[in-house]
């Protein structure tokens, strides 16, 4: 049951500040410049191979038996992982 608009209380400025400060602190480590370059490269390779967003996203995020992992993660981990993904795309 949804409360009526008159029953909903607006967030106080203090509650709003707490929410904003919570969002500022992330546990995610930003990608290094080298990882960003490899991410761009693997996206380019996949885009050239598949030519449509849905297929690219599915390929990069789905575990691949031949690669023994997710293509995007492998490419981000190392230059060797990126080359493995590129070779797989060239074969198919």
C-alpha atoms as a PDB file:
ATOM      1  CA  UNK A   1       0.000   0.000   0.000  1.00  0.00           C
ATOM      2  CA  UNK A   2       1.478   3.330  -1.069  1.00  0.00           C
ATOM      3  CA  UNK A   3       1.323   6.221   1.366  1.00  0.00           C
ATOM      4  CA  UNK A   4      -0.526   9.345   0.336  1.00  0.00           C
ATOM      5  CA  UNK A   5       1.539  12.295  -0.786  1.00  0.00           C
ATOM      6  CA  UNK A   6       0.545  14.173   2.362  1.00  0.00           C
ATOM      7  CA  UNK A   7       1.913  11.292   4.500  1.00  0.00           C
ATOM      8  CA  UNK A   8       5.347  11.218   2.828  1.00  0.00           C
ATOM      9  CA  UNK A   9       7.983  13.267   4.601  1.00  0.00           C
ATOM     10  CA  UNK A  10      10.643  15.022   2.607  1.00  0.00           C
ATOM     11  CA  UNK A  11      14.253  14.272   3.436  1.00  0.00           C
ATOM     12  CA  UNK A  12      15.816  16.809   5.730  1.00  0.00           C
ATOM     13  CA  UNK A  13      18.959  18.602   4.544  1.00  0.00           C
ATOM     14  CA  UNK A  14      20.996  16.486   6.986  1.00  0.00           C
ATOM     15  CA  UNK A  15      19.570  13.226   5.605  1.00  0.00           C
ATOM     16  CA  UNK A  16      20.259  14.438   2.064  1.00  0.00           C
ATOM     17  CA  UNK A  17      23.890  15.248   2.950  1.00  0.00           C
ATOM     18  CA  UNK A  18      24.331  11.776   4.455  1.00  0.00           C
ATOM     19  CA  UNK A  19      23.045  10.160   1.280  1.00  0.00           C
ATOM     20  CA  UNK A  20      25.334  12.237  -0.916  1.00  0.00           C
ATOM     21  CA  UNK A  21      28.376  11.548   1.245  1.00  0.00           C
ATOM     22  CA  UNK A  22      27.628   7.825   1.122  1.00  0.00           C
ATOM     23  CA  UNK A  23      27.687   7.902  -2.656  1.00  0.00           C
ATOM     24  CA  UNK A  24      31.053   9.660  -2.775  1.00  0.00           C
ATOM     25  CA  UNK A  25      32.894   6.753  -1.178  1.00  0.00           C
ATOM     26  CA  UNK A  26      33.231   3.809  -3.531  1.00  0.00           C
ATOM     27  CA  UNK A  27      34.982   0.525  -3.003  1.00  0.00           C
ATOM     28  CA  UNK A  28      35.635   0.271  -6.733  1.00  0.00           C
ATOM     29  CA  UNK A  29      39.225   0.730  -7.822  1.00  0.00           C
ATOM     30  CA  UNK A  30      39.406   2.824 -10.982  1.00  0.00           C
ATOM     31  CA  UNK A  31      40.906   1.202 -14.057  1.00  0.00           C
ATOM     32  CA  UNK A  32      44.515   1.998 -14.880  1.00  0.00           C
ATOM     33  CA  UNK A  33      45.305   3.768 -18.157  1.00  0.00           C
ATOM     34  CA  UNK A  34      46.568   0.443 -19.559  1.00  0.00           C
ATOM     35  CA  UNK A  35      43.336  -1.334 -18.571  1.00  0.00           C
ATOM     36  CA  UNK A  36      41.302   1.452 -20.172  1.00  0.00           C
ATOM     37  CA  UNK A  37      43.272   1.042 -23.399  1.00  0.00           C
ATOM     38  CA  UNK A  38      42.723  -2.732 -23.407  1.00  0.00           C
ATOM     39  CA  UNK A  39      39.024  -2.221 -22.653  1.00  0.00           C
ATOM     40  CA  UNK A  40      38.754   0.113 -25.619  1.00  0.00           C
ATOM     41  CA  UNK A  41      40.617  -2.359 -27.834  1.00  0.00           C
ATOM     42  CA  UNK A  42      38.477  -5.358 -26.896  1.00  0.00           C
ATOM     43  CA  UNK A  43      35.301  -3.335 -27.437  1.00  0.00           C
ATOM     44  CA  UNK A  44      36.575  -2.282 -30.867  1.00  0.00           C
ATOM     45  CA  UNK A  45      37.457  -5.864 -31.841  1.00  0.00           C
ATOM     46  CA  UNK A  46      34.088  -7.183 -30.680  1.00  0.00           C
ATOM     47  CA  UNK A  47      32.186  -4.371 -32.392  1.00  0.00           C
ATOM     48  CA  UNK A  48      33.961  -5.018 -35.692  1.00  0.00           C
ATOM     49  CA  UNK A  49      33.213  -8.734 -35.405  1.00  0.00           C
ATOM     50  CA  UNK A  50      29.552  -8.618 -34.314  1.00  0.00           C
ATOM     51  CA  UNK A  51      28.388  -5.211 -35.523  1.00  0.00           C
ATOM     52  CA  UNK A  52      25.557  -4.840 -33.014  1.00  0.00           C
ATOM     53  CA  UNK A  53      25.449  -3.822 -29.379  1.00  0.00           C
ATOM     54  CA  UNK A  54      23.479  -6.774 -27.974  1.00  0.00           C
ATOM     55  CA  UNK A  55      25.874  -9.338 -29.449  1.00  0.00           C
ATOM     56  CA  UNK A  56      28.940  -7.396 -28.306  1.00  0.00           C
ATOM     57  CA  UNK A  57      27.624  -7.093 -24.747  1.00  0.00           C
ATOM     58  CA  UNK A  58      26.632 -10.753 -24.604  1.00  0.00           C
ATOM     59  CA  UNK A  59      30.011 -11.921 -25.922  1.00  0.00           C
ATOM     60  CA  UNK A  60      32.092  -9.742 -23.605  1.00  0.00           C
ATOM     61  CA  UNK A  61      30.135 -10.586 -20.440  1.00  0.00           C
ATOM     62  CA  UNK A  62      29.392 -14.292 -20.942  1.00  0.00           C
ATOM     63  CA  UNK A  63      31.904 -16.891 -19.737  1.00  0.00           C
ATOM     64  CA  UNK A  64      33.592 -18.508 -22.737  1.00  0.00           C
ATOM     65  CA  UNK A  65      34.739 -22.139 -22.505  1.00  0.00           C
ATOM     66  CA  UNK A  66      37.575 -21.667 -24.998  1.00  0.00           C
ATOM     67  CA  UNK A  67      38.931 -18.687 -23.067  1.00  0.00           C
ATOM     68  CA  UNK A  68      38.082 -20.155 -19.659  1.00  0.00           C
ATOM     69  CA  UNK A  69      36.608 -16.871 -18.521  1.00  0.00           C
ATOM     70  CA  UNK A  70      34.727 -13.770 -19.532  1.00  0.00           C
ATOM     71  CA  UNK A  71      36.353 -12.026 -22.492  1.00  0.00           C
ATOM     72  CA  UNK A  72      36.091  -8.534 -20.996  1.00  0.00           C
ATOM     73  CA  UNK A  73      37.671  -9.602 -17.715  1.00  0.00           C
ATOM     74  CA  UNK A  74      40.487 -11.442 -19.475  1.00  0.00           C
ATOM     75  CA  UNK A  75      41.239  -8.427 -21.654  1.00  0.00           C
ATOM     76  CA  UNK A  76      41.327  -6.131 -18.633  1.00  0.00           C
ATOM     77  CA  UNK A  77      43.641  -8.457 -16.686  1.00  0.00           C
ATOM     78  CA  UNK A  78      46.511  -8.550 -19.166  1.00  0.00           C
ATOM     79  CA  UNK A  79      47.764  -7.908 -22.680  1.00  0.00           C
ATOM     80  CA  UNK A  80      47.945 -11.691 -23.124  1.00  0.00           C
ATOM     81  CA  UNK A  81      44.257 -11.977 -22.220  1.00  0.00           C
ATOM     82  CA  UNK A  82      43.427  -9.303 -24.784  1.00  0.00           C
ATOM     83  CA  UNK A  83      45.369 -11.208 -27.453  1.00  0.00           C
ATOM     84  CA  UNK A  84      43.508 -14.440 -26.600  1.00  0.00           C
ATOM     85  CA  UNK A  85      40.158 -12.691 -27.066  1.00  0.00           C
ATOM     86  CA  UNK A  86      41.313 -11.115 -30.327  1.00  0.00           C
ATOM     87  CA  UNK A  87      42.488 -14.502 -31.684  1.00  0.00           C
ATOM     88  CA  UNK A  88      39.159 -16.106 -30.785  1.00  0.00           C
ATOM     89  CA  UNK A  89      37.288 -13.391 -32.690  1.00  0.00           C
ATOM     90  CA  UNK A  90      39.581 -13.813 -35.695  1.00  0.00           C
ATOM     91  CA  UNK A  91      38.934 -17.577 -35.778  1.00  0.00           C
ATOM     92  CA  UNK A  92      35.157 -17.256 -35.819  1.00  0.00           C
END
